[in-house]
Amino acid sequence: MANTIKPHPSKLKAWQKVLLCSWQLAQQSHRAHRWRLWLSTIGIVVGTAALFSLWTLNRGIQKKLHHRLQAYGLNTLYQLPQENSLPAELLNAASEATYLTVEKLNEYSQSESVKPAPLWTLTAEARSNERHQNVPLVVSASTLPQLLPIHIEAGRFLSASSGTAAVCVIGHRLAAALLSPEHPPIGQVVCIGNNCLTVIGVIHSRNNDHQLLPDLNGAIIVNPGTLLHRLLPFVEKNKLTHPLWISRYNRHTTEPPILPKLLKQLYPLSDYRSWNPESLVTEELKTQRTLRITLWGISLVAFIVGSIGMMNMIYSHAMERSSEIGIQKAVGATPAMIQWQYLLETLQMGFYGCLLGFLVGTLFSYFISQQAGIPWSIYLQDCIPISLLALTISLLSAWLPARKAALLPPAQALAKHES
């Protein structure tokens, strides 16, 4: 077996002495030139803050994109009306067209197992147990839970066989506010006008996007037939909207979609355009690219300027302290001690610059995330590579000036001070 080579104990003790003495000299120098050394860390602070903000905001943008895609439904295709304002005199025609479209979709045999569903948001006054309030009245079909992230908390959802039955599904937040807490929600009655609907299900939706989709957690959901034959007279006629339609998006199918043809035939009141939530990915990627280029540019410029400034500062600092270097060498300080003194000073400045940069980056990213509506969270593992990068740049910028200071002869150093 080959003998392992172990370092000589005297060399280890000598290096320990060198590092200890260098650390003590670095602390003395840091206390004597505190403000000047702090000014040299501005580049490290700005670069660290920019990189940390970039990673934090980038992760928040990805979370926001994931949540929006989950809210709109994965692999879904939306048919959006070109005009969203519906005249009150066309409410009956729109309701009948929605009902006929759903009936026709049930008759067609499609390659997709999930039939398209309308998502029509109206407003009506609901009453239950002497409580009443204006609530969103959502008209949809039985396949809606298969198209959107909807969880059935109790009971069941609307079925295709419900037709014009006096039944409804209610959001969990509205159920807590409107229904009696003394009894289970299933089987309780909600009245709209002269019609009373039996609650057959309570749902919970993860949809938090109010720009396109209604808040289903605070809404009453009914079939198109129930709206047309029972509730139409009691719908508020102000701010009526056209229904939008949701279908399963299958890019590999060769069969032409049936829904656009039916909307043109049965619903001539408004033109529809197709919209896929995947376009959100393109928009968010553009935002991410702009943010990434901006913050990477800021951090790169800050690190370069900071390293050059730190190098010049250390070099001029070493020349100004030539008498100190000469005295240290005259009393026995080795070149290694002098060199490590400056390197340890720089590493200490880099460390403090990283801490201050993380604080600035945290405040900056939090402010931007609050203004832009981006989820904000901090991961400590992001600090490790950024700290290593900042400390490496600090160490490299100080290596050459520290080397020159260490090789300065004592007589020359003292002569420079006297002159």
Protein backbone atom coordinates (compact mmCIF):
# COMPACT_ATOMS: atom_id res chain seq x y z
CA MET A 1 0.00 0.00 0.00
CA ALA A 2 1.34 3.39 -0.97
CA ASN A 3 2.16 5.71 1.88
CA THR A 4 -0.02 8.79 2.02
CA ILE A 5 1.84 12.08 2.04
CA LYS A 6 0.89 14.22 5.02
CA PRO A 7 1.78 17.86 5.40
CA HIS A 8 4.48 18.65 7.91
CA PRO A 9 3.02 19.88 11.22
CA SER A 10 5.36 22.87 11.26
CA LYS A 11 4.03 24.03 7.85
CA LEU A 12 0.45 23.79 9.05
CA LYS A 13 1.25 25.82 12.14
CA ALA A 14 3.08 28.38 10.02
CA TRP A 15 0.09 28.81 7.70
CA GLN A 16 -2.26 29.04 10.65
CA LYS A 17 -0.05 31.78 12.07
CA VAL A 18 0.03 33.56 8.72
CA LEU A 19 -3.76 33.51 8.36
CA LEU A 20 -4.29 34.58 11.97
CA CYS A 21 -1.87 37.48 11.69
CA SER A 22 -3.33 38.46 8.30
CA TRP A 23 -6.84 38.43 9.75
CA GLN A 24 -5.78 40.63 12.66
CA LEU A 25 -4.06 43.08 10.31
CA ALA A 26 -7.12 43.10 8.06
CA GLN A 27 -9.40 43.91 10.99
CA GLN A 28 -7.16 46.76 12.09
CA SER A 29 -7.07 48.16 8.55
CA HIS A 30 -10.82 47.78 8.19
CA ARG A 31 -11.47 49.77 11.35
CA ALA A 32 -9.01 52.48 10.31
CA HIS A 33 -10.44 52.92 6.78
CA ARG A 34 -14.05 51.91 7.34
CA TRP A 35 -15.90 54.41 5.16
CA ARG A 36 -13.51 54.15 2.27
CA LEU A 37 -13.80 50.37 2.20
CA TRP A 38 -17.59 50.55 2.40
CA LEU A 39 -17.75 52.84 -0.64
CA SER A 40 -15.82 50.26 -2.66
CA THR A 41 -18.55 47.66 -2.11
CA ILE A 42 -21.28 49.62 -3.93
CA GLY A 43 -20.74 47.61 -7.13
CA ILE A 44 -21.03 44.33 -5.22
CA VAL A 45 -24.20 45.56 -3.50
CA VAL A 46 -25.88 46.61 -6.75
CA GLY A 47 -24.83 43.46 -8.63
CA THR A 48 -25.98 41.14 -5.85
CA ALA A 49 -29.29 43.00 -5.47
CA ALA A 50 -29.95 42.86 -9.24
CA LEU A 51 -29.21 39.13 -9.50
CA PHE A 52 -31.24 38.27 -6.40
CA SER A 53 -34.18 40.36 -7.64
CA LEU A 54 -33.94 38.66 -11.04
CA TRP A 55 -34.16 35.17 -9.60
CA THR A 56 -36.93 36.07 -7.16
CA LEU A 57 -39.10 37.88 -9.73
CA ASN A 58 -38.46 35.22 -12.37
CA ARG A 59 -39.71 32.51 -10.03
CA GLY A 60 -42.73 34.65 -9.14
CA ILE A 61 -43.59 35.16 -12.83
CA GLN A 62 -43.44 31.41 -13.39
CA LYS A 63 -45.78 30.82 -10.43
CA LYS A 64 -48.20 33.44 -11.71
CA LEU A 65 -48.19 31.86 -15.16
CA HIS A 66 -48.82 28.42 -13.68
CA HIS A 67 -51.72 29.72 -11.58
CA ARG A 68 -53.29 31.50 -14.53
CA LEU A 69 -53.04 28.41 -16.72
CA GLN A 70 -54.60 26.36 -13.94
CA ALA A 71 -57.40 28.92 -13.58
CA TYR A 72 -58.20 29.03 -17.30
CA GLY A 73 -57.99 25.26 -17.59
CA LEU A 74 -55.34 23.19 -19.27
CA ASN A 75 -55.77 22.26 -22.94
CA THR A 76 -58.82 24.48 -23.32
CA LEU A 77 -59.99 26.62 -26.21
CA TYR A 78 -62.17 29.67 -25.63
CA GLN A 79 -64.69 31.11 -28.06
CA LEU A 80 -64.89 34.78 -27.10
CA PRO A 81 -67.55 37.20 -28.38
CA GLN A 82 -66.24 40.13 -30.37
CA GLU A 83 -68.75 42.41 -28.67
CA ASN A 84 -69.30 41.81 -24.99
CA SER A 85 -72.24 44.17 -24.44
CA LEU A 86 -75.62 42.50 -25.02
CA PRO A 87 -78.75 44.68 -25.46
CA ALA A 88 -81.55 43.82 -23.03
CA GLU A 89 -84.05 43.19 -25.86
CA LEU A 90 -81.80 40.37 -27.14
CA LEU A 91 -81.55 38.54 -23.81
CA ASN A 92 -84.32 36.07 -24.71
CA ALA A 93 -82.74 35.31 -28.12
CA ALA A 94 -79.33 34.82 -26.56
CA SER A 95 -80.75 32.49 -23.93
CA GLU A 96 -82.57 30.41 -26.54
CA ALA A 97 -79.46 30.24 -28.75
CA THR A 98 -77.37 29.05 -25.80
CA TYR A 99 -79.93 26.36 -24.96
CA LEU A 100 -80.15 25.14 -28.58
CA THR A 101 -76.35 25.07 -28.94
CA VAL A 102 -75.99 22.84 -25.88
CA GLU A 103 -78.73 20.53 -27.18
CA LYS A 104 -77.09 20.29 -30.61
CA LEU A 105 -73.69 19.54 -29.06
CA ASN A 106 -75.23 16.62 -27.17
CA GLU A 107 -76.55 15.21 -30.45
CA TYR A 108 -73.27 15.36 -32.36
CA SER A 109 -70.74 12.55 -32.06
CA GLN A 110 -67.32 14.09 -31.61
CA SER A 111 -63.88 12.58 -31.34
CA GLU A 112 -63.52 14.43 -28.03
CA SER A 113 -65.19 12.87 -25.04
CA VAL A 114 -65.69 16.28 -23.37
CA LYS A 115 -68.41 18.40 -24.94
CA PRO A 116 -67.98 22.22 -25.03
CA ALA A 117 -69.75 24.21 -22.33
CA PRO A 118 -71.00 27.80 -22.15
CA LEU A 119 -69.92 30.13 -19.40
CA TRP A 120 -72.46 32.93 -19.29
CA THR A 121 -72.41 35.31 -16.33
CA LEU A 122 -75.62 37.17 -15.48
CA THR A 123 -76.88 38.76 -12.26
CA ALA A 124 -79.96 37.98 -10.19
CA GLU A 125 -81.26 38.43 -6.65
CA ALA A 126 -81.21 35.19 -4.64
CA ARG A 127 -83.08 34.48 -1.40
CA SER A 128 -82.72 31.75 1.17
CA ASN A 129 -83.63 31.59 4.88
CA GLU A 130 -84.60 35.28 4.99
CA ARG A 131 -81.22 36.20 3.51
CA HIS A 132 -81.04 37.80 0.11
CA GLN A 133 -78.31 39.32 -2.03
CA ASN A 134 -77.42 39.97 -5.65
CA VAL A 135 -75.28 37.11 -6.91
CA PRO A 136 -73.64 36.07 -10.20
CA LEU A 137 -75.90 33.66 -12.05
CA VAL A 138 -73.67 31.44 -14.20
CA VAL A 139 -75.24 29.47 -17.03
CA SER A 140 -73.23 26.42 -18.02
CA ALA A 141 -73.40 22.71 -18.87
CA SER A 142 -72.57 19.40 -17.23
CA THR A 143 -69.05 19.21 -18.71
CA LEU A 144 -67.77 22.39 -17.04
CA PRO A 145 -65.88 20.54 -14.21
CA GLN A 146 -63.97 18.62 -16.89
CA LEU A 147 -62.86 21.84 -18.57
CA LEU A 148 -62.00 24.00 -15.55
CA PRO A 149 -60.32 23.19 -12.20
CA ILE A 150 -63.55 22.71 -10.22
CA HIS A 151 -63.74 20.50 -7.13
CA ILE A 152 -67.10 19.09 -5.99
CA GLU A 153 -67.16 19.58 -2.22
CA ALA A 154 -70.62 18.11 -1.67
CA GLY A 155 -73.34 16.53 -3.78
CA ARG A 156 -72.91 16.48 -7.55
CA PHE A 157 -72.70 18.82 -10.52
CA LEU A 158 -75.39 19.53 -13.10
CA SER A 159 -76.12 16.67 -15.46
CA ALA A 160 -77.11 16.66 -19.11
CA SER A 161 -80.43 15.07 -18.15
CA SER A 162 -81.32 17.93 -15.79
CA GLY A 163 -82.74 19.89 -18.74
CA THR A 164 -85.11 22.48 -17.32
CA ALA A 165 -85.22 21.06 -13.77
CA ALA A 166 -85.38 23.48 -10.85
CA VAL A 167 -81.92 22.59 -9.54
CA CYS A 168 -78.68 24.52 -9.13
CA VAL A 169 -75.08 24.22 -7.97
CA ILE A 170 -73.68 26.85 -5.63
CA GLY A 171 -70.16 28.06 -4.84
CA HIS A 172 -68.77 27.24 -1.41
CA ARG A 173 -68.35 30.88 -0.36
CA LEU A 174 -71.92 31.78 -1.35
CA ALA A 175 -73.20 28.65 0.40
CA ALA A 176 -71.61 29.83 3.64
CA ALA A 177 -73.12 33.30 3.28
CA LEU A 178 -76.62 32.41 2.00
CA LEU A 179 -77.59 28.95 3.20
CA SER A 180 -78.46 27.91 6.73
CA PRO A 181 -75.43 26.57 8.65
CA GLU A 182 -77.72 24.36 10.78
CA HIS A 183 -78.45 21.98 7.90
CA PRO A 184 -76.38 20.40 5.13
CA PRO A 185 -76.33 22.57 2.00
CA ILE A 186 -77.56 19.73 -0.23
CA GLY A 187 -81.32 19.87 -0.42
CA GLN A 188 -81.71 23.47 0.73
CA VAL A 189 -83.66 25.86 -1.48
CA VAL A 190 -82.50 29.07 -3.17
CA CYS A 191 -85.22 31.28 -4.67
CA ILE A 192 -84.75 33.60 -7.65
CA GLY A 193 -87.89 35.55 -8.31
CA ASN A 194 -90.90 33.19 -8.13
CA ASN A 195 -88.81 30.09 -8.79
CA CYS A 196 -87.12 28.08 -6.08
CA LEU A 197 -84.11 25.93 -6.99
CA THR A 198 -82.91 22.94 -5.01
CA VAL A 199 -79.18 22.89 -4.29
CA ILE A 200 -77.69 19.63 -5.57
CA GLY A 201 -74.00 20.45 -5.23
CA VAL A 202 -71.40 22.74 -3.67
CA ILE A 203 -68.21 23.47 -5.62
CA HIS A 204 -64.81 25.01 -5.00
CA SER A 205 -62.96 26.62 -7.88
CA ARG A 206 -59.26 27.56 -7.96
CA ASN A 207 -60.00 30.30 -10.45
CA ASN A 208 -58.66 33.66 -9.22
CA ASP A 209 -58.59 35.49 -12.55
CA HIS A 210 -61.50 37.94 -12.81
CA GLN A 211 -60.59 39.40 -16.21
CA LEU A 212 -62.27 36.66 -18.22
CA LEU A 213 -63.81 34.04 -15.95
CA PRO A 214 -66.40 34.68 -13.22
CA ASP A 215 -65.76 33.87 -9.58
CA LEU A 216 -67.55 30.55 -9.34
CA ASN A 217 -67.04 30.32 -5.57
CA GLY A 218 -69.61 33.07 -5.06
CA ALA A 219 -72.04 32.17 -7.86
CA ILE A 220 -75.12 30.06 -8.58
CA ILE A 221 -74.74 27.74 -11.58
CA VAL A 222 -77.76 26.55 -13.61
CA ASN A 223 -78.42 24.78 -16.90
CA PRO A 224 -79.36 26.81 -20.01
CA GLY A 225 -82.81 25.18 -19.96
CA THR A 226 -83.39 26.29 -16.37
CA LEU A 227 -82.51 29.84 -17.31
CA LEU A 228 -84.66 29.87 -20.45
CA HIS A 229 -87.83 28.33 -18.98
CA ARG A 230 -87.69 29.46 -15.34
CA LEU A 231 -85.33 32.33 -14.50
CA LEU A 232 -85.18 34.57 -17.56
CA PRO A 233 -87.74 37.17 -16.33
CA PHE A 234 -85.82 37.65 -13.07
CA VAL A 235 -82.38 38.33 -14.54
CA GLU A 236 -81.17 41.89 -14.14
CA LYS A 237 -81.13 43.69 -17.47
CA ASN A 238 -78.18 45.99 -16.73
CA LYS A 239 -74.69 45.23 -18.06
CA LEU A 240 -75.64 42.07 -19.91
CA THR A 241 -72.80 40.13 -21.55
CA HIS A 242 -72.62 37.60 -24.34
CA PRO A 243 -71.84 34.01 -23.31
CA LEU A 244 -68.37 32.67 -23.91
CA TRP A 245 -67.71 29.02 -24.73
CA ILE A 246 -65.06 26.61 -23.53
CA SER A 247 -64.02 23.44 -25.34
CA ARG A 248 -61.26 20.89 -25.10
CA TYR A 249 -58.22 21.89 -27.15
CA ASN A 250 -56.74 19.04 -29.19
CA ARG A 251 -54.05 20.15 -31.63
CA HIS A 252 -53.57 16.64 -33.06
CA THR A 253 -57.14 16.06 -34.21
CA THR A 254 -57.97 16.27 -37.92
CA GLU A 255 -61.71 16.65 -37.40
CA PRO A 256 -62.87 20.27 -37.78
CA PRO A 257 -64.37 21.75 -34.60
CA ILE A 258 -68.15 21.76 -34.50
CA LEU A 259 -68.65 24.57 -31.99
CA PRO A 260 -67.70 27.51 -34.30
CA LYS A 261 -70.12 26.24 -36.96
CA LEU A 262 -72.95 25.94 -34.44
CA LEU A 263 -72.29 29.42 -33.08
CA LYS A 264 -72.56 30.87 -36.59
CA GLN A 265 -75.77 28.96 -37.29
CA LEU A 266 -77.60 29.31 -33.99
CA TYR A 267 -76.08 32.43 -32.50
CA PRO A 268 -75.92 35.22 -35.10
CA LEU A 269 -75.97 37.96 -32.49
CA SER A 270 -72.21 38.23 -32.14
CA ASP A 271 -69.10 37.04 -33.96
CA TYR A 272 -66.76 34.78 -32.01
CA ARG A 273 -63.00 34.43 -32.09
CA SER A 274 -60.91 31.55 -30.79
CA TRP A 275 -58.43 32.09 -27.96
CA ASN A 276 -56.06 29.57 -26.41
CA PRO A 277 -54.65 30.18 -22.90
CA GLU A 278 -51.29 28.98 -24.17
CA SER A 279 -50.88 32.45 -25.66
CA LEU A 280 -50.37 33.56 -22.06
CA VAL A 281 -47.10 31.64 -22.12
CA THR A 282 -45.84 33.75 -25.02
CA GLU A 283 -46.79 36.97 -23.27
CA GLU A 284 -45.19 35.92 -19.99
CA LEU A 285 -42.02 34.75 -21.77
CA LYS A 286 -41.67 38.18 -23.35
CA THR A 287 -42.00 39.77 -19.92
CA GLN A 288 -39.47 37.35 -18.48
CA ARG A 289 -37.02 37.99 -21.31
CA THR A 290 -37.23 41.77 -20.87
CA LEU A 291 -36.82 41.49 -17.11
CA ARG A 292 -33.94 39.03 -17.46
CA ILE A 293 -32.03 41.16 -19.97
CA THR A 294 -32.51 44.32 -17.90
CA LEU A 295 -31.44 42.88 -14.56
CA TRP A 296 -28.61 40.79 -16.04
CA GLY A 297 -27.30 43.94 -17.72
CA ILE A 298 -27.51 45.91 -14.49
CA SER A 299 -25.79 43.18 -12.49
CA LEU A 300 -23.06 42.68 -15.12
CA VAL A 301 -22.28 46.40 -15.34
CA ALA A 302 -22.39 46.71 -11.55
CA PHE A 303 -20.02 43.79 -11.03
CA ILE A 304 -17.58 45.05 -13.68
CA VAL A 305 -17.59 48.62 -12.36
CA GLY A 306 -17.43 47.36 -8.79
CA SER A 307 -14.48 45.05 -9.49
CA ILE A 308 -12.55 47.78 -11.31
CA GLY A 309 -13.29 50.28 -8.55
CA MET A 310 -12.30 47.78 -5.89
CA MET A 311 -9.06 46.99 -7.73
CA ASN A 312 -8.14 50.66 -8.05
CA MET A 313 -9.10 51.33 -4.46
CA ILE A 314 -6.99 48.48 -3.12
CA TYR A 315 -4.03 49.44 -5.29
CA SER A 316 -4.13 53.12 -4.27
CA HIS A 317 -4.81 52.07 -0.71
CA ALA A 318 -1.73 49.85 -0.75
CA MET A 319 0.43 52.63 -2.16
CA GLU A 320 -0.80 55.07 0.49
CA ARG A 321 -0.04 52.50 3.16
CA SER A 322 3.47 51.82 1.87
CA SER A 323 5.02 52.92 5.16
CA GLU A 324 2.72 50.52 7.01
CA ILE A 325 3.79 47.71 4.68
CA GLY A 326 7.45 48.60 5.18
CA ILE A 327 7.10 48.63 8.95
CA GLN A 328 5.24 45.30 8.91
CA LYS A 329 7.96 43.70 6.80
CA ALA A 330 10.67 45.23 8.96
CA VAL A 331 9.22 43.61 12.07
CA GLY A 332 8.93 40.21 10.41
CA ALA A 333 5.74 40.14 8.32
CA THR A 334 6.10 37.83 5.33
CA PRO A 335 4.81 38.58 1.80
CA ALA A 336 2.15 35.93 2.35
CA MET A 337 0.88 37.81 5.40
CA ILE A 338 0.69 41.09 3.47
CA GLN A 339 -1.04 39.46 0.52
CA TRP A 340 -3.57 37.62 2.67
CA GLN A 341 -4.20 40.78 4.64
CA TYR A 342 -5.52 42.53 1.53
CA LEU A 343 -7.34 39.44 0.29
CA LEU A 344 -9.10 38.99 3.62
CA GLU A 345 -10.02 42.68 3.65
CA THR A 346 -11.57 42.27 0.21
CA LEU A 347 -13.42 39.06 1.13
CA GLN A 348 -14.81 40.78 4.19
CA MET A 349 -15.99 43.71 2.07
CA GLY A 350 -17.51 41.27 -0.44
CA PHE A 351 -19.30 39.42 2.35
CA TYR A 352 -20.80 42.62 3.78
CA GLY A 353 -21.66 43.74 0.25
CA CYS A 354 -23.53 40.46 -0.33
CA LEU A 355 -25.54 40.87 2.86
CA LEU A 356 -26.49 44.44 2.00
CA GLY A 357 -27.22 43.41 -1.60
CA PHE A 358 -29.58 40.65 -0.45
CA LEU A 359 -31.41 43.15 1.75
CA VAL A 360 -31.74 45.67 -1.09
CA GLY A 361 -32.75 42.91 -3.54
CA THR A 362 -35.39 41.62 -1.14
CA LEU A 363 -36.97 45.06 -0.71
CA PHE A 364 -36.77 45.84 -4.44
CA SER A 365 -38.27 42.50 -5.56
CA TYR A 366 -41.03 42.79 -2.95
CA PHE A 367 -41.94 46.28 -4.18
CA ILE A 368 -41.98 45.20 -7.84
CA SER A 369 -43.99 42.04 -7.08
CA GLN A 370 -46.61 44.04 -5.18
CA GLN A 371 -46.95 46.55 -8.00
CA ALA A 372 -47.11 43.89 -10.74
CA GLY A 373 -49.26 41.37 -8.84
CA ILE A 374 -46.53 38.70 -8.90
CA PRO A 375 -46.30 36.04 -6.15
CA TRP A 376 -43.29 36.81 -3.95
CA SER A 377 -41.21 34.30 -2.05
CA ILE A 378 -37.56 33.96 -1.08
CA TYR A 379 -35.49 30.79 -1.37
CA LEU A 380 -32.28 30.67 0.65
CA GLN A 381 -30.65 28.36 -1.87
CA ASP A 382 -30.59 31.29 -4.33
CA CYS A 383 -28.16 33.11 -2.04
CA ILE A 384 -25.42 30.49 -2.36
CA PRO A 385 -24.46 30.83 -6.07
CA ILE A 386 -24.90 34.63 -5.97
CA SER A 387 -22.64 34.86 -2.90
CA LEU A 388 -20.02 32.64 -4.51
CA LEU A 389 -20.07 34.79 -7.64
CA ALA A 390 -19.75 38.05 -5.69
CA LEU A 391 -16.95 36.74 -3.45
CA THR A 392 -15.08 35.30 -6.43
CA ILE A 393 -15.24 38.65 -8.25
CA SER A 394 -14.05 40.40 -5.08
CA LEU A 395 -11.17 37.97 -4.68
CA LEU A 396 -10.07 38.21 -8.32
CA SER A 397 -10.20 42.01 -8.29
CA ALA A 398 -7.96 42.11 -5.20
CA TRP A 399 -5.43 39.47 -6.25
CA LEU A 400 -3.13 41.64 -8.41
CA PRO A 401 -3.01 44.70 -6.08
CA ALA A 402 -2.45 42.42 -3.09
CA ARG A 403 0.35 40.64 -4.92
CA LYS A 404 2.05 43.92 -5.78
CA ALA A 405 1.76 45.14 -2.20
CA ALA A 406 3.21 41.89 -0.89
CA LEU A 407 6.26 42.06 -3.19
CA LEU A 408 7.05 45.71 -2.36
CA PRO A 409 10.55 45.85 -0.74
CA PRO A 410 10.61 47.36 2.78
CA ALA A 411 13.27 49.97 1.92
CA GLN A 412 11.34 51.10 -1.17
CA ALA A 413 8.12 51.28 0.81
CA LEU A 414 9.67 53.43 3.52
CA ALA A 415 11.41 55.62 0.91
CA LYS A 416 8.07 56.29 -0.81
CA HIS A 417 6.57 57.35 2.48
CA GLU A 418 9.46 59.73 3.28
CA SER A 419 9.36 61.28 -0.17
